[in-house]
Amino acid sequence: MVLLEMQFLRESGQVEFKVDAFIRDMRAEMGLKICEAPFVSVVLASNRISWTRDPFDRLIVAQAASEEARLITSDRVILDNYRLAFWD
């Protein structure tokens, strides 16, 4: 879901980097992993997140939470509500 949102942000002009290159670089620099949780389980978990109306944010947080993974984001709402979110 993160990859899709990043592509939407690129297409809307909110970010300029190429998503594939960014992901490749983050894998090399930070050991970034792509979650392979079944999508249906992520969607079901996202239904329990009520602090945002943004469907991308719900799915992204649910996916991270499914593996108790850290989540890199500058989104203040996510930072305030998901304990493993951080912005460095």
Protein backbone atom coordinates (compact mmCIF):
# COMPACT_ATOMS: atom_id res chain seq x y z
CA MET A 1 0.00 0.00 0.00
CA VAL A 2 2.89 2.33 0.73
CA LEU A 3 4.16 1.82 -2.81
CA LEU A 4 0.77 2.74 -4.25
CA GLU A 5 0.44 5.85 -2.11
CA MET A 6 3.96 6.93 -3.04
CA GLN A 7 3.09 6.54 -6.72
CA PHE A 8 -0.07 8.64 -6.20
CA LEU A 9 2.06 11.32 -4.51
CA ARG A 10 4.50 11.28 -7.44
CA GLU A 11 1.70 11.54 -10.00
CA SER A 12 0.14 14.46 -8.11
CA GLY A 13 3.49 16.27 -7.97
CA GLN A 14 3.86 16.03 -4.18
CA VAL A 15 7.12 14.07 -4.46
CA GLU A 16 9.60 14.05 -7.31
CA PHE A 17 11.55 10.84 -6.75
CA LYS A 18 10.92 7.66 -8.70
CA VAL A 19 9.26 5.15 -6.41
CA ASP A 20 11.18 2.09 -7.64
CA ALA A 21 14.53 3.83 -7.18
CA PHE A 22 13.54 5.10 -3.74
CA ILE A 23 12.53 1.62 -2.58
CA ARG A 24 15.72 0.10 -3.99
CA ASP A 25 17.81 2.73 -2.16
CA MET A 26 15.95 2.23 1.13
CA ARG A 27 16.44 -1.52 0.90
CA ALA A 28 20.18 -1.00 0.46
CA GLU A 29 20.58 1.77 3.05
CA MET A 30 18.16 0.70 5.78
CA GLY A 31 17.32 -2.92 5.14
CA LEU A 32 13.76 -1.93 4.23
CA LYS A 33 11.47 -4.92 3.73
CA ILE A 34 8.22 -5.14 1.82
CA CYS A 35 5.50 -6.71 3.95
CA GLU A 36 4.01 -9.87 2.53
CA ALA A 37 0.99 -10.12 4.85
CA PRO A 38 -2.15 -11.27 3.04
CA PHE A 39 -4.03 -8.19 1.85
CA VAL A 40 -7.36 -9.39 3.23
CA SER A 41 -5.91 -9.61 6.74
CA VAL A 42 -4.53 -6.08 6.42
CA VAL A 43 -7.92 -4.77 5.26
CA LEU A 44 -9.70 -6.48 8.16
CA ALA A 45 -7.18 -5.02 10.62
CA SER A 46 -7.59 -1.56 9.08
CA ASN A 47 -11.27 -1.64 10.03
CA ARG A 48 -10.21 -1.37 13.67
CA ILE A 49 -8.35 1.91 13.06
CA SER A 50 -10.76 4.76 13.68
CA TRP A 51 -8.46 7.71 14.29
CA THR A 52 -8.17 8.55 10.58
CA ARG A 53 -10.54 8.64 7.63
CA ASP A 54 -7.66 8.26 5.13
CA PRO A 55 -7.86 4.75 3.61
CA PHE A 56 -4.15 4.73 2.71
CA ASP A 57 -3.17 5.61 6.28
CA ARG A 58 -5.46 2.94 7.72
CA LEU A 59 -4.02 0.25 5.45
CA ILE A 60 -0.42 1.35 5.90
CA VAL A 61 -0.68 1.37 9.70
CA ALA A 62 -2.62 -1.91 9.79
CA GLN A 63 0.04 -3.51 7.62
CA ALA A 64 2.88 -2.26 9.83
CA ALA A 65 1.02 -3.28 12.97
CA SER A 66 0.43 -6.78 11.61
CA GLU A 67 4.17 -7.38 11.94
CA GLU A 68 4.79 -4.94 14.80
CA ALA A 69 7.03 -3.09 12.37
CA ARG A 70 8.40 0.41 12.62
CA LEU A 71 6.83 2.85 10.20
CA ILE A 72 8.70 5.81 8.74
CA THR A 73 6.34 8.74 8.20
CA SER A 74 6.15 12.50 8.51
CA ASP A 75 2.37 12.29 8.97
CA ARG A 76 1.62 13.87 12.35
CA VAL A 77 -1.64 11.92 12.80
CA ILE A 78 0.15 8.59 12.32
CA LEU A 79 3.05 9.68 14.53
CA ASP A 80 0.58 10.57 17.29
CA ASN A 81 -1.40 7.33 17.03
CA TYR A 82 0.93 4.48 16.00
CA ARG A 83 3.53 3.84 18.68
CA LEU A 84 6.10 2.41 16.25
CA ALA A 85 5.91 5.33 13.82
CA PHE A 86 8.89 7.64 13.63
CA TRP A 87 10.34 10.44 11.54
CA ASP A 88 14.06 10.99 11.55
